[in-house]
Structures are given as C-alpha cells and as structure tokens.
Amino acid sequence: MTGKSGPKHVPRKRFGQNFLVDEGIIAGIVHAVGPRPDDTLIEIGPGLGALTVPLLDRVRQLQVIEIDRDLIARLREHHAPDRLLIHEGDVLKFDFAALGRDLRVVGNLPYNISTPLLFRFAEFAAHLQDVHVMLQREVVERMVAAPGDTEFSRLSVMLQYRFDMELLLDVPATAFDPAPRVESAVVRLVPLAPLPHPARDEALFSRVVARAFSQRRKTLRNTLKGMVTAEEFVRLGIDPGARAQELTVADFVRIADAVTAPD
C-alpha cells in the first residue's frame, strides 16, 4: 500500500503505531464499512495508508485525522488535497460536530487511547451514522459483553446505553507491522436513536455506573452506599446484594433516575 516509496517510517511508540499490512483483513474491513461515493467518511490514524487507499477508491473525498507530522507529509505527497482532507492533531480533542451529521468513522485505533476515544464517540453520537474501528480484542469483548458475563463492565454499560455494537472480525497480531503483543478485533458501533432507556440526568447516570463498578467484588449495597437507600432498592425491584455486572443498562438508568441527591 502507500508508504513503500521514500525512507521507511519507524513506528512511534508514543503514538501507539502498529501498521496494518494484511491485505485480506484490509479488504474485510472495507467490505464491512461498505463506503458509498457521497459518504462523509473519516479515517482515524491513516498511518501508511493501508485503509486510506481502498477507501479513497470508494468515496469522492476522504477525511483523515493524523497526529504524526511525518505521516502527514507522506499522505500529502501521495494524495491530492481535494481527495484527501487532512486534519492534523490529537483525535481526543477533535470536534466531530464541526463536520456535520451522518458521519461515518473508520480506523485502526491506537490502543493506548482506545477507551477515552470510545467515550469521545459517545459524546458525538448524535453526529454519527456508524463507526467501524479496530481495537484490542479484550476491549471489544468488554464492549459487547452481556450482563452476567465476566467481561461486562462500566465500558459495556456506557457504550451499550448509546450504541448497538457487533464484533465483526478477529484480527491476529501477525496482521500488523510491528506485531502487537495482543490480538485485535473490528467492531461496529451504530448510535441508538431514539435511546431505548434515556436517563433523566446522563451525568448522574455516568456517576452511578462508575461507582457501581468501582469495586467489582462488592455488592451494590456497598458500592452505592449513600447514593441509593435500602428502601429505593426495594422500590426499584433491584437486589442490593447483586454486583454491578449482573445489572442491565435499563437497571442502571432506573437507579440513576431514582437518585435525587447525588454526591
């Protein structure tokens, strides 16, 4: 793909750079995304262009977010600015809303910022049509886990509140250069509209979920002490002896809605 000419780019650890090189995996991701010519498609971390090139073959214009100036220079050398619009900077500070609505996001995300970036997507869910990203498989398993699963976590609840998600593709470490020490997976996120279980106060909902999962071995009676009374648990029909991973998203919303005096 791109990046074969000119001096070899040395992957930078501080940017979490592992470049996708497996042609079969690349084709599988592009097929899963199914880009259309007029899509507002944004690639996060284009790197050496493994996904960029086949995506550009499908859309009239591709927008990319890249922080590495050397890689930006390579992209500018290989692609016309009217076809490839480059946003230079940190994706965690990027204002997706400035690009409008019905945005389609794709990328091989740097694993060192994957969780805060997923929460960033949640902030801009109203502007997104869908998201197709590659992440550490362990993170994807937590994202799609069901209540009662060992992997069900705060991340599961907060993302499932906002998105419908599906694990699409397993990706071995050998698909990258350099090969990471973990296995990866591609996941699809589609914003839920309308929200099936909207919380009256989403900030409070977030605090309740964070508190509940702060000590996974402890029961709700202990983790939510001072936030939810024994009487409220009874009224809500929720067992205070249960642990956070046993509750559904709807359960957490009901608890948050019942809390009238957050700490």
C-alpha atoms as a PDB file:
ATOM      1  CA  MET A   1       0.000   0.000   0.000  1.00  0.00           C
ATOM      2  CA  THR A   2       1.216   3.585   0.486  1.00  0.00           C
ATOM      3  CA  GLY A   3       4.458   4.282   2.256  1.00  0.00           C
ATOM      4  CA  LYS A   4       6.534   1.860   0.155  1.00  0.00           C
ATOM      5  CA  SER A   5       8.456   4.678  -1.502  1.00  0.00           C
ATOM      6  CA  GLY A   6      10.792   7.015   0.305  1.00  0.00           C
ATOM      7  CA  PRO A   7      12.530   6.326   3.630  1.00  0.00           C
ATOM      8  CA  LYS A   8      10.967   3.709   5.848  1.00  0.00           C
ATOM      9  CA  HIS A   9       8.804   5.158   8.603  1.00  0.00           C
ATOM     10  CA  VAL A  10       9.840   3.983  12.069  1.00  0.00           C
ATOM     11  CA  PRO A  11       6.702   3.290  14.171  1.00  0.00           C
ATOM     12  CA  ARG A  12       6.481   5.600  17.182  1.00  0.00           C
ATOM     13  CA  LYS A  13       5.550   4.034  20.492  1.00  0.00           C
ATOM     14  CA  ARG A  14       4.197   7.278  21.928  1.00  0.00           C
ATOM     15  CA  PHE A  15       1.555   7.295  19.177  1.00  0.00           C
ATOM     16  CA  GLY A  16       0.774   3.585  19.600  1.00  0.00           C
ATOM     17  CA  GLN A  17       1.699   2.900  15.974  1.00  0.00           C
ATOM     18  CA  ASN A  18       1.166  -0.632  14.635  1.00  0.00           C
ATOM     19  CA  PHE A  19       0.556  -0.611  10.884  1.00  0.00           C
ATOM     20  CA  LEU A  20      -1.979  -2.940   9.288  1.00  0.00           C
ATOM     21  CA  VAL A  21      -0.399  -4.910   6.427  1.00  0.00           C
ATOM     22  CA  ASP A  22      -2.636  -7.961   5.881  1.00  0.00           C
ATOM     23  CA  GLU A  23      -4.437  -7.473   2.552  1.00  0.00           C
ATOM     24  CA  GLY A  24      -7.215  -9.915   3.451  1.00  0.00           C
ATOM     25  CA  ILE A  25      -8.016  -8.089   6.704  1.00  0.00           C
ATOM     26  CA  ILE A  26      -7.896  -4.732   4.927  1.00  0.00           C
ATOM     27  CA  ALA A  27     -10.370  -5.974   2.307  1.00  0.00           C
ATOM     28  CA  GLY A  28     -12.604  -7.384   5.056  1.00  0.00           C
ATOM     29  CA  ILE A  29     -12.752  -4.032   6.852  1.00  0.00           C
ATOM     30  CA  VAL A  30     -13.536  -2.098   3.668  1.00  0.00           C
ATOM     31  CA  HIS A  31     -16.270  -4.613   2.821  1.00  0.00           C
ATOM     32  CA  ALA A  32     -17.757  -4.277   6.325  1.00  0.00           C
ATOM     33  CA  VAL A  33     -17.809  -0.479   6.056  1.00  0.00           C
ATOM     34  CA  GLY A  34     -19.299  -0.549   2.543  1.00  0.00           C
ATOM     35  CA  PRO A  35     -18.392   3.067   1.674  1.00  0.00           C
ATOM     36  CA  ARG A  36     -20.627   4.964  -0.741  1.00  0.00           C
ATOM     37  CA  PRO A  37     -19.336   7.782  -3.004  1.00  0.00           C
ATOM     38  CA  ASP A  38     -21.033  10.642  -1.126  1.00  0.00           C
ATOM     39  CA  ASP A  39     -20.396   9.386   2.420  1.00  0.00           C
ATOM     40  CA  THR A  40     -18.768  11.763   4.882  1.00  0.00           C
ATOM     41  CA  LEU A  41     -16.094   9.243   5.785  1.00  0.00           C
ATOM     42  CA  ILE A  42     -13.421   9.985   8.378  1.00  0.00           C
ATOM     43  CA  GLU A  43     -10.438   7.741   8.967  1.00  0.00           C
ATOM     44  CA  ILE A  44      -8.661   7.982  12.299  1.00  0.00           C
ATOM     45  CA  GLY A  45      -4.926   7.371  12.186  1.00  0.00           C
ATOM     46  CA  PRO A  46      -4.385   6.618   8.482  1.00  0.00           C
ATOM     47  CA  GLY A  47      -0.730   5.802   9.114  1.00  0.00           C
ATOM     48  CA  LEU A  48       0.906   4.499   5.956  1.00  0.00           C
ATOM     49  CA  GLY A  49      -2.418   4.397   4.123  1.00  0.00           C
ATOM     50  CA  ALA A  50      -3.303   0.700   4.198  1.00  0.00           C
ATOM     51  CA  LEU A  51      -7.004   1.532   4.585  1.00  0.00           C
ATOM     52  CA  THR A  52      -6.784   5.012   3.084  1.00  0.00           C
ATOM     53  CA  VAL A  53      -6.139   3.857  -0.470  1.00  0.00           C
ATOM     54  CA  PRO A  54      -9.027   1.367  -0.794  1.00  0.00           C
ATOM     55  CA  LEU A  55     -11.369   3.794   0.974  1.00  0.00           C
ATOM     56  CA  LEU A  56     -10.413   6.553  -1.459  1.00  0.00           C
ATOM     57  CA  ASP A  57     -11.314   4.199  -4.294  1.00  0.00           C
ATOM     58  CA  ARG A  58     -14.914   4.187  -2.969  1.00  0.00           C
ATOM     59  CA  VAL A  59     -15.570   7.796  -1.946  1.00  0.00           C
ATOM     60  CA  ARG A  60     -15.223  11.169  -3.632  1.00  0.00           C
ATOM     61  CA  GLN A  61     -13.420  12.646  -0.664  1.00  0.00           C
ATOM     62  CA  LEU A  62     -11.918  11.059   2.449  1.00  0.00           C
ATOM     63  CA  GLN A  63     -11.142  12.983   5.621  1.00  0.00           C
ATOM     64  CA  VAL A  64      -8.401  11.748   7.937  1.00  0.00           C
ATOM     65  CA  ILE A  65      -7.216  12.681  11.423  1.00  0.00           C
ATOM     66  CA  GLU A  66      -3.479  12.187  11.983  1.00  0.00           C
ATOM     67  CA  ILE A  67      -1.093  13.476  14.650  1.00  0.00           C
ATOM     68  CA  ASP A  68       2.250  12.317  13.201  1.00  0.00           C
ATOM     69  CA  ARG A  69       3.725  15.070  11.004  1.00  0.00           C
ATOM     70  CA  ASP A  70       5.977  12.668   9.087  1.00  0.00           C
ATOM     71  CA  LEU A  71       2.984  10.537   8.125  1.00  0.00           C
ATOM     72  CA  ILE A  72       1.019  13.659   7.180  1.00  0.00           C
ATOM     73  CA  ALA A  73       3.840  14.654   4.826  1.00  0.00           C
ATOM     74  CA  ARG A  74       3.706  11.205   3.193  1.00  0.00           C
ATOM     75  CA  LEU A  75      -0.055  11.413   2.771  1.00  0.00           C
ATOM     76  CA  ARG A  76       0.214  14.851   1.160  1.00  0.00           C
ATOM     77  CA  GLU A  77       2.882  13.545  -1.190  1.00  0.00           C
ATOM     78  CA  HIS A  78       0.693  10.666  -2.385  1.00  0.00           C
ATOM     79  CA  HIS A  79      -2.813  12.197  -2.451  1.00  0.00           C
ATOM     80  CA  ALA A  80      -4.404  15.337  -3.897  1.00  0.00           C
ATOM     81  CA  PRO A  81      -5.858  17.702  -1.269  1.00  0.00           C
ATOM     82  CA  ASP A  82      -9.286  17.748  -2.926  1.00  0.00           C
ATOM     83  CA  ARG A  83      -9.494  13.958  -2.486  1.00  0.00           C
ATOM     84  CA  LEU A  84      -7.821  13.610   0.907  1.00  0.00           C
ATOM     85  CA  LEU A  85      -8.648  16.272   3.505  1.00  0.00           C
ATOM     86  CA  ILE A  86      -6.188  16.018   6.392  1.00  0.00           C
ATOM     87  CA  HIS A  87      -6.982  17.188   9.933  1.00  0.00           C
ATOM     88  CA  GLU A  88      -3.710  17.438  11.824  1.00  0.00           C
ATOM     89  CA  GLY A  89      -3.869  16.948  15.583  1.00  0.00           C
ATOM     90  CA  ASP A  90      -4.987  14.854  18.529  1.00  0.00           C
ATOM     91  CA  VAL A  91      -8.189  12.922  17.822  1.00  0.00           C
ATOM     92  CA  LEU A  92      -9.125  13.121  21.518  1.00  0.00           C
ATOM     93  CA  LYS A  93      -9.515  16.879  21.071  1.00  0.00           C
ATOM     94  CA  PHE A  94     -11.150  16.751  17.647  1.00  0.00           C
ATOM     95  CA  ASP A  95     -14.579  18.360  17.244  1.00  0.00           C
ATOM     96  CA  PHE A  96     -16.514  15.828  15.164  1.00  0.00           C
ATOM     97  CA  ALA A  97     -19.587  18.070  15.311  1.00  0.00           C
ATOM     98  CA  ALA A  98     -17.778  20.586  13.097  1.00  0.00           C
ATOM     99  CA  LEU A  99     -18.014  18.093  10.221  1.00  0.00           C
ATOM    100  CA  GLY A 100     -21.804  17.906  10.333  1.00  0.00           C
ATOM    101  CA  ARG A 101     -24.027  14.862  10.763  1.00  0.00           C
ATOM    102  CA  ASP A 102     -24.262  11.304   9.416  1.00  0.00           C
ATOM    103  CA  LEU A 103     -20.521  10.923   9.839  1.00  0.00           C
ATOM    104  CA  ARG A 104     -19.003   7.512   9.163  1.00  0.00           C
ATOM    105  CA  VAL A 105     -15.834   6.855  11.167  1.00  0.00           C
ATOM    106  CA  VAL A 106     -13.310   4.124  10.460  1.00  0.00           C
ATOM    107  CA  GLY A 107      -9.848   3.363  11.740  1.00  0.00           C
ATOM    108  CA  ASN A 108      -7.230   1.198  13.357  1.00  0.00           C
ATOM    109  CA  LEU A 109      -7.246   2.974  16.709  1.00  0.00           C
ATOM    110  CA  PRO A 110      -4.123   3.475  18.809  1.00  0.00           C
ATOM    111  CA  TYR A 111      -4.705   1.032  21.663  1.00  0.00           C
ATOM    112  CA  ASN A 112      -3.177   3.374  24.237  1.00  0.00           C
ATOM    113  CA  ILE A 113      -6.084   5.818  23.799  1.00  0.00           C
ATOM    114  CA  SER A 114      -8.876   3.423  22.827  1.00  0.00           C
ATOM    115  CA  THR A 115     -11.091   3.785  25.917  1.00  0.00           C
ATOM    116  CA  PRO A 116     -11.110   7.620  26.076  1.00  0.00           C
ATOM    117  CA  LEU A 117     -11.676   7.681  22.313  1.00  0.00           C
ATOM    118  CA  LEU A 118     -14.695   5.383  22.613  1.00  0.00           C
ATOM    119  CA  PHE A 119     -16.163   7.751  25.205  1.00  0.00           C
ATOM    120  CA  ARG A 120     -15.402  10.592  22.788  1.00  0.00           C
ATOM    121  CA  PHE A 121     -17.530   8.820  20.165  1.00  0.00           C
ATOM    122  CA  ALA A 122     -20.344   8.609  22.717  1.00  0.00           C
ATOM    123  CA  GLU A 123     -20.195  12.388  23.199  1.00  0.00           C
ATOM    124  CA  PHE A 124     -20.727  12.896  19.463  1.00  0.00           C
ATOM    125  CA  ALA A 125     -23.166  10.017  18.880  1.00  0.00           C
ATOM    126  CA  ALA A 126     -25.835  12.390  17.525  1.00  0.00           C
ATOM    127  CA  HIS A 127     -23.470  13.294  14.668  1.00  0.00           C
ATOM    128  CA  LEU A 128     -22.508   9.731  13.766  1.00  0.00           C
ATOM    129  CA  GLN A 129     -24.081   7.304  11.322  1.00  0.00           C
ATOM    130  CA  ASP A 130     -21.748   4.474  12.299  1.00  0.00           C
ATOM    131  CA  VAL A 131     -18.247   3.655  13.482  1.00  0.00           C
ATOM    132  CA  HIS A 132     -16.032   0.761  12.318  1.00  0.00           C
ATOM    133  CA  VAL A 133     -12.824   0.513  14.326  1.00  0.00           C
ATOM    134  CA  MET A 134     -10.142  -1.989  15.196  1.00  0.00           C
ATOM    135  CA  LEU A 135      -9.277  -2.362  18.852  1.00  0.00           C
ATOM    136  CA  GLN A 136      -7.614  -4.772  21.215  1.00  0.00           C
ATOM    137  CA  ARG A 137      -9.858  -7.846  21.238  1.00  0.00           C
ATOM    138  CA  GLU A 138     -10.126  -7.734  25.026  1.00  0.00           C
ATOM    139  CA  VAL A 139     -11.642  -4.237  24.780  1.00  0.00           C
ATOM    140  CA  VAL A 140     -14.118  -5.320  22.089  1.00  0.00           C
ATOM    141  CA  GLU A 141     -15.194  -8.278  24.239  1.00  0.00           C
ATOM    142  CA  ARG A 142     -15.964  -5.853  27.064  1.00  0.00           C
ATOM    143  CA  MET A 143     -17.872  -3.556  24.722  1.00  0.00           C
ATOM    144  CA  VAL A 144     -20.246  -6.286  23.505  1.00  0.00           C
ATOM    145  CA  ALA A 145     -20.479  -8.324  26.740  1.00  0.00           C
ATOM    146  CA  ALA A 146     -23.918  -9.137  28.166  1.00  0.00           C
ATOM    147  CA  PRO A 147     -24.987  -8.659  31.807  1.00  0.00           C
ATOM    148  CA  GLY A 148     -23.658 -11.577  33.849  1.00  0.00           C
ATOM    149  CA  ASP A 149     -20.605 -12.057  31.624  1.00  0.00           C
ATOM    150  CA  THR A 150     -17.213 -11.749  33.291  1.00  0.00           C
ATOM    151  CA  GLU A 151     -16.270  -9.051  30.760  1.00  0.00           C
ATOM    152  CA  PHE A 152     -19.371  -6.921  31.452  1.00  0.00           C
ATOM    153  CA  SER A 153     -18.052  -3.617  32.794  1.00  0.00           C
ATOM    154  CA  ARG A 154     -18.506   0.127  33.064  1.00  0.00           C
ATOM    155  CA  LEU A 155     -17.387   0.377  29.436  1.00  0.00           C
ATOM    156  CA  SER A 156     -20.091  -2.124  28.420  1.00  0.00           C
ATOM    157  CA  VAL A 157     -22.854  -0.165  30.139  1.00  0.00           C
ATOM    158  CA  MET A 158     -21.804   3.288  28.981  1.00  0.00           C
ATOM    159  CA  LEU A 159     -21.407   2.259  25.341  1.00  0.00           C
ATOM    160  CA  GLN A 160     -24.474  -0.007  25.221  1.00  0.00           C
ATOM    161  CA  TYR A 161     -26.513   2.905  26.588  1.00  0.00           C
ATOM    162  CA  ARG A 162     -25.646   4.825  23.409  1.00  0.00           C
ATOM    163  CA  PHE A 163     -24.806   2.257  20.699  1.00  0.00           C
ATOM    164  CA  ASP A 164     -25.770  -1.038  19.147  1.00  0.00           C
ATOM    165  CA  MET A 165     -22.486  -2.926  18.745  1.00  0.00           C
ATOM    166  CA  GLU A 166     -21.275  -6.007  16.924  1.00  0.00           C
ATOM    167  CA  LEU A 167     -17.910  -7.777  16.772  1.00  0.00           C
ATOM    168  CA  LEU A 168     -17.267  -8.214  13.038  1.00  0.00           C
ATOM    169  CA  LEU A 169     -13.801  -9.592  12.525  1.00  0.00           C
ATOM    170  CA  ASP A 170     -10.975 -11.154  14.527  1.00  0.00           C
ATOM    171  CA  VAL A 171      -7.526  -9.858  13.615  1.00  0.00           C
ATOM    172  CA  PRO A 172      -4.336 -11.750  14.538  1.00  0.00           C
ATOM    173  CA  ALA A 173      -1.219  -9.930  15.706  1.00  0.00           C
ATOM    174  CA  THR A 174       0.558 -11.084  12.514  1.00  0.00           C
ATOM    175  CA  ALA A 175      -1.675  -8.722  10.501  1.00  0.00           C
ATOM    176  CA  PHE A 176       0.423  -5.777  11.764  1.00  0.00           C
ATOM    177  CA  ASP A 177       3.936  -4.432  11.432  1.00  0.00           C
ATOM    178  CA  PRO A 178       5.263  -4.333  14.062  1.00  0.00           C
ATOM    179  CA  ALA A 179       3.120  -7.113  15.530  1.00  0.00           C
ATOM    180  CA  PRO A 180       1.465  -6.053  18.806  1.00  0.00           C
ATOM    181  CA  ARG A 181       1.504  -8.348  21.821  1.00  0.00           C
ATOM    182  CA  VAL A 182      -2.279  -8.682  21.772  1.00  0.00           C
ATOM    183  CA  GLU A 183      -4.979  -9.953  19.433  1.00  0.00           C
ATOM    184  CA  SER A 184      -7.315  -7.432  17.844  1.00  0.00           C
ATOM    185  CA  ALA A 185     -10.875  -7.260  16.538  1.00  0.00           C
ATOM    186  CA  VAL A 186     -13.031  -4.995  14.386  1.00  0.00           C
ATOM    187  CA  VAL A 187     -16.259  -3.736  15.927  1.00  0.00           C
ATOM    188  CA  ARG A 188     -19.208  -1.801  14.504  1.00  0.00           C
ATOM    189  CA  LEU A 189     -20.992   0.855  16.586  1.00  0.00           C
ATOM    190  CA  VAL A 190     -24.341   2.253  15.439  1.00  0.00           C
ATOM    191  CA  PRO A 191     -25.925   5.046  17.522  1.00  0.00           C
ATOM    192  CA  LEU A 192     -29.282   4.148  19.053  1.00  0.00           C
ATOM    193  CA  ALA A 193     -31.964   6.632  18.033  1.00  0.00           C
ATOM    194  CA  PRO A 194     -34.078   7.126  19.954  1.00  0.00           C
ATOM    195  CA  LEU A 195     -32.331   5.855  23.072  1.00  0.00           C
ATOM    196  CA  PRO A 196     -34.246   2.808  24.391  1.00  0.00           C
ATOM    197  CA  HIS A 197     -33.541   3.753  28.027  1.00  0.00           C
ATOM    198  CA  PRO A 198     -32.838   7.502  28.268  1.00  0.00           C
ATOM    199  CA  ALA A 199     -31.625   8.714  31.649  1.00  0.00           C
ATOM    200  CA  ARG A 200     -33.097  11.907  33.057  1.00  0.00           C
ATOM    201  CA  ASP A 201     -29.612  13.061  34.077  1.00  0.00           C
ATOM    202  CA  GLU A 202     -26.874  11.449  31.991  1.00  0.00           C
ATOM    203  CA  ALA A 203     -24.048  12.857  34.102  1.00  0.00           C
ATOM    204  CA  LEU A 204     -25.609  11.294  37.198  1.00  0.00           C
ATOM    205  CA  PHE A 205     -26.170   8.028  35.309  1.00  0.00           C
ATOM    206  CA  SER A 206     -22.460   8.007  34.477  1.00  0.00           C
ATOM    207  CA  ARG A 207     -21.531   8.560  38.135  1.00  0.00           C
ATOM    208  CA  VAL A 208     -23.826   5.762  39.301  1.00  0.00           C
ATOM    209  CA  VAL A 209     -22.287   3.313  36.813  1.00  0.00           C
ATOM    210  CA  ALA A 210     -18.745   4.355  37.751  1.00  0.00           C
ATOM    211  CA  ARG A 211     -19.478   3.932  41.469  1.00  0.00           C
ATOM    212  CA  ALA A 212     -21.152   0.563  40.969  1.00  0.00           C
ATOM    213  CA  PHE A 213     -18.161  -0.835  39.071  1.00  0.00           C
ATOM    214  CA  SER A 214     -15.509   0.833  41.246  1.00  0.00           C
ATOM    215  CA  GLN A 215     -15.132  -2.342  43.334  1.00  0.00           C
ATOM    216  CA  ARG A 216     -16.367  -5.241  41.234  1.00  0.00           C
ATOM    217  CA  ARG A 217     -16.354  -7.789  44.060  1.00  0.00           C
ATOM    218  CA  LYS A 218     -18.568  -5.667  46.291  1.00  0.00           C
ATOM    219  CA  THR A 219     -22.348  -5.608  46.165  1.00  0.00           C
ATOM    220  CA  LEU A 220     -24.469  -2.644  45.134  1.00  0.00           C
ATOM    221  CA  ARG A 221     -25.398  -2.185  48.786  1.00  0.00           C
ATOM    222  CA  ASN A 222     -21.758  -1.250  49.425  1.00  0.00           C
ATOM    223  CA  THR A 223     -20.696   0.471  46.215  1.00  0.00           C
ATOM    224  CA  LEU A 224     -23.796   2.697  46.067  1.00  0.00           C
ATOM    225  CA  LYS A 225     -23.973   3.327  49.813  1.00  0.00           C
ATOM    226  CA  GLY A 226     -25.003   6.925  50.473  1.00  0.00           C
ATOM    227  CA  MET A 227     -26.388   7.192  46.970  1.00  0.00           C
ATOM    228  CA  VAL A 228     -29.221   4.651  46.993  1.00  0.00           C
ATOM    229  CA  THR A 229     -31.167   3.697  50.123  1.00  0.00           C
ATOM    230  CA  ALA A 230     -32.362   0.210  51.033  1.00  0.00           C
ATOM    231  CA  GLU A 231     -35.935   1.431  50.506  1.00  0.00           C
ATOM    232  CA  GLU A 232     -35.116   2.638  46.984  1.00  0.00           C
ATOM    233  CA  PHE A 233     -33.594  -0.730  46.077  1.00  0.00           C
ATOM    234  CA  VAL A 234     -36.806  -2.428  47.234  1.00  0.00           C
ATOM    235  CA  ARG A 235     -38.987   0.027  45.330  1.00  0.00           C
ATOM    236  CA  LEU A 236     -36.945  -0.488  42.167  1.00  0.00           C
ATOM    237  CA  GLY A 237     -37.036  -4.264  42.490  1.00  0.00           C
ATOM    238  CA  ILE A 238     -33.241  -4.486  42.394  1.00  0.00           C
ATOM    239  CA  ASP A 239     -31.366  -6.822  44.718  1.00  0.00           C
ATOM    240  CA  PRO A 240     -28.892  -4.767  46.782  1.00  0.00           C
ATOM    241  CA  GLY A 241     -26.869  -7.961  47.200  1.00  0.00           C
ATOM    242  CA  ALA A 242     -26.216  -8.128  43.459  1.00  0.00           C
ATOM    243  CA  ARG A 243     -22.974  -6.984  41.867  1.00  0.00           C
ATOM    244  CA  ALA A 244     -22.730  -4.357  39.153  1.00  0.00           C
ATOM    245  CA  GLN A 245     -22.042  -6.851  36.358  1.00  0.00           C
ATOM    246  CA  GLU A 246     -25.396  -8.537  36.990  1.00  0.00           C
ATOM    247  CA  LEU A 247     -27.468  -5.442  36.120  1.00  0.00           C
ATOM    248  CA  THR A 248     -28.728  -4.326  32.719  1.00  0.00           C
ATOM    249  CA  VAL A 249     -28.370  -0.865  31.201  1.00  0.00           C
ATOM    250  CA  ALA A 250     -32.055  -0.285  31.969  1.00  0.00           C
ATOM    251  CA  ASP A 251     -31.438  -1.191  35.638  1.00  0.00           C
ATOM    252  CA  PHE A 252     -28.696   1.411  35.923  1.00  0.00           C
ATOM    253  CA  VAL A 253     -30.922   4.035  34.324  1.00  0.00           C
ATOM    254  CA  ARG A 254     -33.713   3.256  36.822  1.00  0.00           C
ATOM    255  CA  ILE A 255     -31.270   3.597  39.717  1.00  0.00           C
ATOM    256  CA  ALA A 256     -29.919   6.902  38.402  1.00  0.00           C
ATOM    257  CA  ASP A 257     -33.407   8.248  37.867  1.00  0.00           C
ATOM    258  CA  ALA A 258     -34.261   7.363  41.473  1.00  0.00           C
ATOM    259  CA  VAL A 259     -31.294   9.191  42.919  1.00  0.00           C
ATOM    260  CA  THR A 260     -32.309  12.679  43.946  1.00  0.00           C
ATOM    261  CA  ALA A 261     -29.241  13.801  45.855  1.00  0.00           C
ATOM    262  CA  PRO A 262     -26.013  12.857  44.060  1.00  0.00           C
ATOM    263  CA  ASP A 263     -22.768  13.274  45.972  1.00  0.00           C
END
